[in-house]
Amino acid sequence: MFVARPNRNPPDLDLVDRVALTVLEEVARLGAGVTAQEISLSLGLPRATTYRLINLLVQDEYLVRMPDLTGFALGRKVVELAHLVAPSPPPQAVREVIAGLRSRIRGGIHLVRYEGDRVLIVDADPDFPLSDETRVSRDLSASAMGRLLLAEHAGGASSAGYASQTGELTPGYGCLALPIRAADGRLVGALCLSAPSTRIDTPGDLLPQLDEGARQLAPLLA
């Protein structure tokens, strides 16, 4: 497997691979920026073992060091694997609704689905790509689409009827997320706008357009 080293016998390799996968899962669960010490404590692994496994995963590009060198995040190869199991492309009717919104609204229009505690990016705006897709998918508090899901789990969306975020991912920019609900009221997805912070803080007539888009998408996604 990805951390196999030629100087080990097969049983040792199997054990290393299993523990390495556990480390990857723990980084995904704890979120970007988690430290080696936090991983060691959470998994009950010896610190030396944890550091050795992390170094192997960094070397093989399954983990990456954060810019400030204090922690780690999922790396390029994990993102590539995630893309292999990404949601199927949305049907034509969904794409038409999204295309119409993109033609009328300046900014990034993104569509996501929710599965349990997971955010699945179904259609990211190619002209306004997400600044950190891995973090958006893993750290629910970092984006409006994640905050909408957190609010739902906490008992319902905010009184505004949408979630927002500014400056968390990119200084001077932010995002809105409007809920897409099934006929029974279940939150099944979100229609999101990424734009400069000023437009997110005072969305004005953007909200009715996005709300109408979410209503059109609801029967197509449920």
C-alpha atoms as a PDB file:
ATOM      1  CA  MET A   1       0.000   0.000   0.000  1.00  0.00           C
ATOM      2  CA  PHE A   2       0.996   3.645   0.050  1.00  0.00           C
ATOM      3  CA  VAL A   3       3.308   3.486   3.066  1.00  0.00           C
ATOM      4  CA  ALA A   4       4.917   0.152   2.131  1.00  0.00           C
ATOM      5  CA  ARG A   5       8.668   0.096   2.552  1.00  0.00           C
ATOM      6  CA  PRO A   6      10.880  -2.659   1.077  1.00  0.00           C
ATOM      7  CA  ASN A   7      12.839  -3.301   4.287  1.00  0.00           C
ATOM      8  CA  ARG A   8       9.771  -4.589   6.205  1.00  0.00           C
ATOM      9  CA  ASN A   9       8.211  -8.021   6.176  1.00  0.00           C
ATOM     10  CA  PRO A  10       4.581  -8.352   5.024  1.00  0.00           C
ATOM     11  CA  PRO A  11       2.919  -8.636   8.478  1.00  0.00           C
ATOM     12  CA  ASP A  12       4.663  -5.445   9.642  1.00  0.00           C
ATOM     13  CA  LEU A  13       3.653  -3.686   6.460  1.00  0.00           C
ATOM     14  CA  ASP A  14       0.019  -4.647   6.932  1.00  0.00           C
ATOM     15  CA  LEU A  15       0.057  -3.269  10.473  1.00  0.00           C
ATOM     16  CA  VAL A  16       1.716  -0.010   9.404  1.00  0.00           C
ATOM     17  CA  ASP A  17      -0.794   0.440   6.600  1.00  0.00           C
ATOM     18  CA  ARG A  18      -3.752  -0.128   8.914  1.00  0.00           C
ATOM     19  CA  VAL A  19      -2.468   2.336  11.494  1.00  0.00           C
ATOM     20  CA  ALA A  20      -1.584   4.863   8.768  1.00  0.00           C
ATOM     21  CA  LEU A  21      -5.182   4.716   7.518  1.00  0.00           C
ATOM     22  CA  THR A  22      -6.363   5.314  11.074  1.00  0.00           C
ATOM     23  CA  VAL A  23      -4.132   8.397  11.248  1.00  0.00           C
ATOM     24  CA  LEU A  24      -5.617   9.682   7.967  1.00  0.00           C
ATOM     25  CA  GLU A  25      -9.125   9.145   9.280  1.00  0.00           C
ATOM     26  CA  GLU A  26      -8.264  11.028  12.460  1.00  0.00           C
ATOM     27  CA  VAL A  27      -6.875  14.013  10.544  1.00  0.00           C
ATOM     28  CA  ALA A  28     -10.086  14.059   8.503  1.00  0.00           C
ATOM     29  CA  ARG A  29     -12.199  13.901  11.678  1.00  0.00           C
ATOM     30  CA  LEU A  30     -10.267  16.532  13.647  1.00  0.00           C
ATOM     31  CA  GLY A  31      -9.830  18.889  10.693  1.00  0.00           C
ATOM     32  CA  ALA A  32      -7.023  20.845   9.082  1.00  0.00           C
ATOM     33  CA  GLY A  33      -4.375  22.105  11.489  1.00  0.00           C
ATOM     34  CA  VAL A  34      -4.458  19.125  13.839  1.00  0.00           C
ATOM     35  CA  THR A  35      -1.057  18.539  15.452  1.00  0.00           C
ATOM     36  CA  ALA A  36       0.909  15.321  15.781  1.00  0.00           C
ATOM     37  CA  GLN A  37       0.485  15.500  19.546  1.00  0.00           C
ATOM     38  CA  GLU A  38      -3.309  15.783  19.205  1.00  0.00           C
ATOM     39  CA  ILE A  39      -3.365  12.776  16.878  1.00  0.00           C
ATOM     40  CA  SER A  40      -1.166  10.800  19.279  1.00  0.00           C
ATOM     41  CA  LEU A  41      -3.421  11.563  22.247  1.00  0.00           C
ATOM     42  CA  SER A  42      -6.648  10.946  20.351  1.00  0.00           C
ATOM     43  CA  LEU A  43      -5.550   7.555  19.007  1.00  0.00           C
ATOM     44  CA  GLY A  44      -3.530   6.485  22.039  1.00  0.00           C
ATOM     45  CA  LEU A  45      -0.432   5.963  19.910  1.00  0.00           C
ATOM     46  CA  PRO A  46       3.133   6.472  21.136  1.00  0.00           C
ATOM     47  CA  ARG A  47       4.364   9.878  20.056  1.00  0.00           C
ATOM     48  CA  ALA A  48       7.334   8.418  18.162  1.00  0.00           C
ATOM     49  CA  THR A  49       5.058   6.081  16.205  1.00  0.00           C
ATOM     50  CA  THR A  50       2.703   8.923  15.361  1.00  0.00           C
ATOM     51  CA  TYR A  51       5.504  11.157  14.090  1.00  0.00           C
ATOM     52  CA  ARG A  52       6.942   8.327  12.000  1.00  0.00           C
ATOM     53  CA  LEU A  53       3.588   7.568  10.365  1.00  0.00           C
ATOM     54  CA  ILE A  54       2.853  11.234   9.741  1.00  0.00           C
ATOM     55  CA  ASN A  55       6.239  11.700   8.086  1.00  0.00           C
ATOM     56  CA  LEU A  56       5.535   8.730   5.801  1.00  0.00           C
ATOM     57  CA  LEU A  57       2.110  10.110   4.890  1.00  0.00           C
ATOM     58  CA  VAL A  58       3.566  13.554   4.194  1.00  0.00           C
ATOM     59  CA  GLN A  59       6.285  11.993   2.065  1.00  0.00           C
ATOM     60  CA  ASP A  60       3.647  10.121   0.030  1.00  0.00           C
ATOM     61  CA  GLU A  61       1.463  13.276  -0.248  1.00  0.00           C
ATOM     62  CA  TYR A  62      -1.493  11.881   1.694  1.00  0.00           C
ATOM     63  CA  LEU A  63      -0.914  14.571   4.325  1.00  0.00           C
ATOM     64  CA  VAL A  64       0.489  18.072   3.979  1.00  0.00           C
ATOM     65  CA  ARG A  65       2.012  20.390   6.548  1.00  0.00           C
ATOM     66  CA  MET A  66       0.087  23.576   7.241  1.00  0.00           C
ATOM     67  CA  PRO A  67       1.827  26.814   6.121  1.00  0.00           C
ATOM     68  CA  ASP A  68       2.656  27.743   9.726  1.00  0.00           C
ATOM     69  CA  LEU A  69       4.190  24.243  10.233  1.00  0.00           C
ATOM     70  CA  THR A  70       2.179  23.684  13.432  1.00  0.00           C
ATOM     71  CA  GLY A  71      -0.214  21.070  12.102  1.00  0.00           C
ATOM     72  CA  PHE A  72      -1.324  18.883   9.220  1.00  0.00           C
ATOM     73  CA  ALA A  73      -4.141  18.579   6.682  1.00  0.00           C
ATOM     74  CA  LEU A  74      -5.234  16.042   4.103  1.00  0.00           C
ATOM     75  CA  GLY A  75      -2.985  16.152   1.065  1.00  0.00           C
ATOM     76  CA  ARG A  76      -3.251  16.057  -2.701  1.00  0.00           C
ATOM     77  CA  LYS A  77      -3.639  12.294  -3.049  1.00  0.00           C
ATOM     78  CA  VAL A  78      -6.571  12.175  -0.645  1.00  0.00           C
ATOM     79  CA  VAL A  79      -8.303  14.883  -2.683  1.00  0.00           C
ATOM     80  CA  GLU A  80      -7.640  12.907  -5.859  1.00  0.00           C
ATOM     81  CA  LEU A  81      -9.135   9.781  -4.296  1.00  0.00           C
ATOM     82  CA  ALA A  82     -12.148  11.767  -3.125  1.00  0.00           C
ATOM     83  CA  HIS A  83     -12.746  12.978  -6.672  1.00  0.00           C
ATOM     84  CA  LEU A  84     -12.866   9.352  -7.844  1.00  0.00           C
ATOM     85  CA  VAL A  85     -15.893   8.760  -5.610  1.00  0.00           C
ATOM     86  CA  ALA A  86     -17.405  12.219  -6.029  1.00  0.00           C
ATOM     87  CA  PRO A  87     -21.149  12.532  -6.573  1.00  0.00           C
ATOM     88  CA  SER A  88     -22.432  11.873 -10.073  1.00  0.00           C
ATOM     89  CA  PRO A  89     -22.879  14.950 -12.275  1.00  0.00           C
ATOM     90  CA  PRO A  90     -26.263  16.570 -11.658  1.00  0.00           C
ATOM     91  CA  PRO A  91     -29.040  15.941 -14.187  1.00  0.00           C
ATOM     92  CA  GLN A  92     -29.664  18.335 -17.048  1.00  0.00           C
ATOM     93  CA  ALA A  93     -32.584  20.071 -15.326  1.00  0.00           C
ATOM     94  CA  VAL A  94     -30.383  20.914 -12.337  1.00  0.00           C
ATOM     95  CA  ARG A  95     -27.592  22.190 -14.571  1.00  0.00           C
ATOM     96  CA  GLU A  96     -30.047  24.467 -16.375  1.00  0.00           C
ATOM     97  CA  VAL A  97     -31.195  26.085 -13.125  1.00  0.00           C
ATOM     98  CA  ILE A  98     -27.582  26.584 -12.014  1.00  0.00           C
ATOM     99  CA  ALA A  99     -26.576  27.970 -15.408  1.00  0.00           C
ATOM    100  CA  GLY A 100     -29.411  30.487 -15.269  1.00  0.00           C
ATOM    101  CA  LEU A 101     -28.327  31.719 -11.847  1.00  0.00           C
ATOM    102  CA  ARG A 102     -24.707  32.014 -12.962  1.00  0.00           C
ATOM    103  CA  SER A 103     -25.738  34.098 -15.944  1.00  0.00           C
ATOM    104  CA  ARG A 104     -27.630  36.565 -13.734  1.00  0.00           C
ATOM    105  CA  ILE A 105     -25.510  36.776 -10.574  1.00  0.00           C
ATOM    106  CA  ARG A 106     -21.918  37.978 -10.342  1.00  0.00           C
ATOM    107  CA  GLY A 107     -19.991  35.597  -8.123  1.00  0.00           C
ATOM    108  CA  GLY A 108     -19.557  31.882  -7.645  1.00  0.00           C
ATOM    109  CA  ILE A 109     -22.710  29.735  -7.617  1.00  0.00           C
ATOM    110  CA  HIS A 110     -22.138  26.323  -6.053  1.00  0.00           C
ATOM    111  CA  LEU A 111     -24.437  23.369  -5.384  1.00  0.00           C
ATOM    112  CA  VAL A 112     -23.868  20.909  -2.540  1.00  0.00           C
ATOM    113  CA  ARG A 113     -25.685  17.898  -1.147  1.00  0.00           C
ATOM    114  CA  TYR A 114     -25.736  16.693   2.445  1.00  0.00           C
ATOM    115  CA  GLU A 115     -25.353  13.086   3.513  1.00  0.00           C
ATOM    116  CA  GLY A 116     -25.439  12.796   7.271  1.00  0.00           C
ATOM    117  CA  ASP A 117     -22.576  14.945   8.508  1.00  0.00           C
ATOM    118  CA  ARG A 118     -20.940  15.153   5.097  1.00  0.00           C
ATOM    119  CA  VAL A 119     -20.899  18.010   2.607  1.00  0.00           C
ATOM    120  CA  LEU A 120     -20.720  16.723  -0.974  1.00  0.00           C
ATOM    121  CA  ILE A 121     -19.847  19.311  -3.592  1.00  0.00           C
ATOM    122  CA  VAL A 122     -22.046  18.462  -6.566  1.00  0.00           C
ATOM    123  CA  ASP A 123     -21.333  21.436  -8.851  1.00  0.00           C
ATOM    124  CA  ALA A 124     -18.641  23.998  -8.046  1.00  0.00           C
ATOM    125  CA  ASP A 125     -18.612  27.109 -10.221  1.00  0.00           C
ATOM    126  CA  PRO A 126     -15.671  26.642 -12.635  1.00  0.00           C
ATOM    127  CA  ASP A 127     -15.306  30.405 -13.085  1.00  0.00           C
ATOM    128  CA  PHE A 128     -15.171  31.055  -9.334  1.00  0.00           C
ATOM    129  CA  PRO A 129     -13.601  27.904  -7.840  1.00  0.00           C
ATOM    130  CA  LEU A 130     -13.769  27.160  -4.139  1.00  0.00           C
ATOM    131  CA  SER A 131     -10.669  28.473  -2.390  1.00  0.00           C
ATOM    132  CA  ASP A 132     -10.112  25.334  -0.263  1.00  0.00           C
ATOM    133  CA  GLU A 133     -12.373  22.472  -1.291  1.00  0.00           C
ATOM    134  CA  THR A 134     -10.794  20.020   1.140  1.00  0.00           C
ATOM    135  CA  ARG A 135     -11.335  22.302   4.121  1.00  0.00           C
ATOM    136  CA  VAL A 136     -14.856  23.170   3.018  1.00  0.00           C
ATOM    137  CA  SER A 137     -15.695  19.458   2.942  1.00  0.00           C
ATOM    138  CA  ARG A 138     -14.033  18.650   6.250  1.00  0.00           C
ATOM    139  CA  ASP A 139     -14.367  21.720   8.497  1.00  0.00           C
ATOM    140  CA  LEU A 140     -18.080  22.461   8.725  1.00  0.00           C
ATOM    141  CA  SER A 141     -17.551  25.681  10.673  1.00  0.00           C
ATOM    142  CA  ALA A 142     -15.353  27.241   7.982  1.00  0.00           C
ATOM    143  CA  SER A 143     -17.983  27.806   5.275  1.00  0.00           C
ATOM    144  CA  ALA A 144     -21.596  28.863   4.964  1.00  0.00           C
ATOM    145  CA  MET A 145     -22.541  25.488   3.481  1.00  0.00           C
ATOM    146  CA  GLY A 146     -21.057  23.738   6.509  1.00  0.00           C
ATOM    147  CA  ARG A 147     -22.579  26.173   8.981  1.00  0.00           C
ATOM    148  CA  LEU A 148     -26.008  25.598   7.465  1.00  0.00           C
ATOM    149  CA  LEU A 149     -25.656  21.876   8.193  1.00  0.00           C
ATOM    150  CA  LEU A 150     -24.407  22.546  11.726  1.00  0.00           C
ATOM    151  CA  ALA A 151     -27.365  24.835  12.372  1.00  0.00           C
ATOM    152  CA  GLU A 152     -29.739  22.155  11.121  1.00  0.00           C
ATOM    153  CA  HIS A 153     -28.250  19.597  13.503  1.00  0.00           C
ATOM    154  CA  ALA A 154     -28.545  22.130  16.312  1.00  0.00           C
ATOM    155  CA  GLY A 155     -32.263  22.511  15.782  1.00  0.00           C
ATOM    156  CA  GLY A 156     -32.892  24.524  12.636  1.00  0.00           C
ATOM    157  CA  ALA A 157     -31.539  27.246  10.368  1.00  0.00           C
ATOM    158  CA  SER A 158     -31.030  30.804  11.572  1.00  0.00           C
ATOM    159  CA  SER A 159     -33.876  33.309  11.652  1.00  0.00           C
ATOM    160  CA  ALA A 160     -32.454  34.789   8.443  1.00  0.00           C
ATOM    161  CA  GLY A 161     -33.192  31.527   6.659  1.00  0.00           C
ATOM    162  CA  TYR A 162     -29.636  31.083   5.435  1.00  0.00           C
ATOM    163  CA  ALA A 163     -26.063  30.748   6.691  1.00  0.00           C
ATOM    164  CA  SER A 164     -23.163  33.071   5.928  1.00  0.00           C
ATOM    165  CA  GLN A 165     -19.426  33.358   6.406  1.00  0.00           C
ATOM    166  CA  THR A 166     -16.942  36.132   5.666  1.00  0.00           C
ATOM    167  CA  GLY A 167     -13.167  36.175   5.875  1.00  0.00           C
ATOM    168  CA  GLU A 168     -12.756  32.625   7.189  1.00  0.00           C
ATOM    169  CA  LEU A 169     -11.397  31.066   4.009  1.00  0.00           C
ATOM    170  CA  THR A 170     -10.229  34.105   2.023  1.00  0.00           C
ATOM    171  CA  PRO A 171      -9.776  37.634   3.403  1.00  0.00           C
ATOM    172  CA  GLY A 172     -12.279  40.031   1.881  1.00  0.00           C
ATOM    173  CA  TYR A 173     -14.546  37.265   0.575  1.00  0.00           C
ATOM    174  CA  GLY A 174     -17.328  35.145   1.964  1.00  0.00           C
ATOM    175  CA  CYS A 175     -20.284  32.964   1.097  1.00  0.00           C
ATOM    176  CA  LEU A 176     -24.006  32.448   1.608  1.00  0.00           C
ATOM    177  CA  ALA A 177     -25.805  29.111   1.747  1.00  0.00           C
ATOM    178  CA  LEU A 178     -29.559  28.779   1.253  1.00  0.00           C
ATOM    179  CA  PRO A 179     -31.228  25.501   2.211  1.00  0.00           C
ATOM    180  CA  ILE A 180     -32.669  23.082  -0.306  1.00  0.00           C
ATOM    181  CA  ARG A 181     -35.305  20.915   1.353  1.00  0.00           C
ATOM    182  CA  ALA A 182     -37.233  17.811   0.387  1.00  0.00           C
ATOM    183  CA  ALA A 183     -41.038  17.809   0.493  1.00  0.00           C
ATOM    184  CA  ASP A 184     -40.922  16.441   4.052  1.00  0.00           C
ATOM    185  CA  GLY A 185     -38.698  19.319   5.203  1.00  0.00           C
ATOM    186  CA  ARG A 186     -35.413  17.415   5.295  1.00  0.00           C
ATOM    187  CA  LEU A 187     -32.309  19.432   4.447  1.00  0.00           C
ATOM    188  CA  VAL A 188     -30.914  17.723   1.349  1.00  0.00           C
ATOM    189  CA  GLY A 189     -28.595  20.367  -0.054  1.00  0.00           C
ATOM    190  CA  ALA A 190     -27.661  24.012  -0.339  1.00  0.00           C
ATOM    191  CA  LEU A 191     -27.395  26.647  -3.027  1.00  0.00           C
ATOM    192  CA  CYS A 192     -24.355  28.768  -2.283  1.00  0.00           C
ATOM    193  CA  LEU A 193     -22.950  32.087  -3.413  1.00  0.00           C
ATOM    194  CA  SER A 194     -19.318  33.106  -2.956  1.00  0.00           C
ATOM    195  CA  ALA A 195     -18.569  36.802  -3.437  1.00  0.00           C
ATOM    196  CA  PRO A 196     -16.788  39.802  -1.881  1.00  0.00           C
ATOM    197  CA  SER A 197     -17.644  40.259   1.794  1.00  0.00           C
ATOM    198  CA  THR A 198     -19.612  43.451   1.175  1.00  0.00           C
ATOM    199  CA  ARG A 199     -22.094  41.590  -1.012  1.00  0.00           C
ATOM    200  CA  ILE A 200     -22.364  38.770   1.508  1.00  0.00           C
ATOM    201  CA  ASP A 201     -22.969  41.153   4.420  1.00  0.00           C
ATOM    202  CA  THR A 202     -25.667  43.055   2.498  1.00  0.00           C
ATOM    203  CA  PRO A 203     -27.035  40.614  -0.103  1.00  0.00           C
ATOM    204  CA  GLY A 204     -30.089  42.718  -0.925  1.00  0.00           C
ATOM    205  CA  ASP A 205     -31.929  41.516  -4.016  1.00  0.00           C
ATOM    206  CA  LEU A 206     -29.588  38.522  -4.357  1.00  0.00           C
ATOM    207  CA  LEU A 207     -31.534  36.659  -1.684  1.00  0.00           C
ATOM    208  CA  PRO A 208     -34.833  36.428  -3.587  1.00  0.00           C
ATOM    209  CA  GLN A 209     -32.987  35.157  -6.670  1.00  0.00           C
ATOM    210  CA  LEU A 210     -31.101  32.526  -4.687  1.00  0.00           C
ATOM    211  CA  ASP A 211     -34.201  31.531  -2.754  1.00  0.00           C
ATOM    212  CA  GLU A 212     -36.136  31.018  -5.976  1.00  0.00           C
ATOM    213  CA  GLY A 213     -33.253  28.949  -7.344  1.00  0.00           C
ATOM    214  CA  ALA A 214     -33.259  26.777  -4.226  1.00  0.00           C
ATOM    215  CA  ARG A 215     -37.018  26.249  -4.585  1.00  0.00           C
ATOM    216  CA  GLN A 216     -36.589  25.195  -8.214  1.00  0.00           C
ATOM    217  CA  LEU A 217     -33.824  22.767  -7.297  1.00  0.00           C
ATOM    218  CA  ALA A 218     -35.653  21.146  -4.375  1.00  0.00           C
ATOM    219  CA  PRO A 219     -37.841  18.697  -6.364  1.00  0.00           C
ATOM    220  CA  LEU A 220     -34.905  17.893  -8.655  1.00  0.00           C
ATOM    221  CA  LEU A 221     -32.596  16.845  -5.808  1.00  0.00           C
ATOM    222  CA  ALA A 222     -34.972  15.207  -3.319  1.00  0.00           C
END
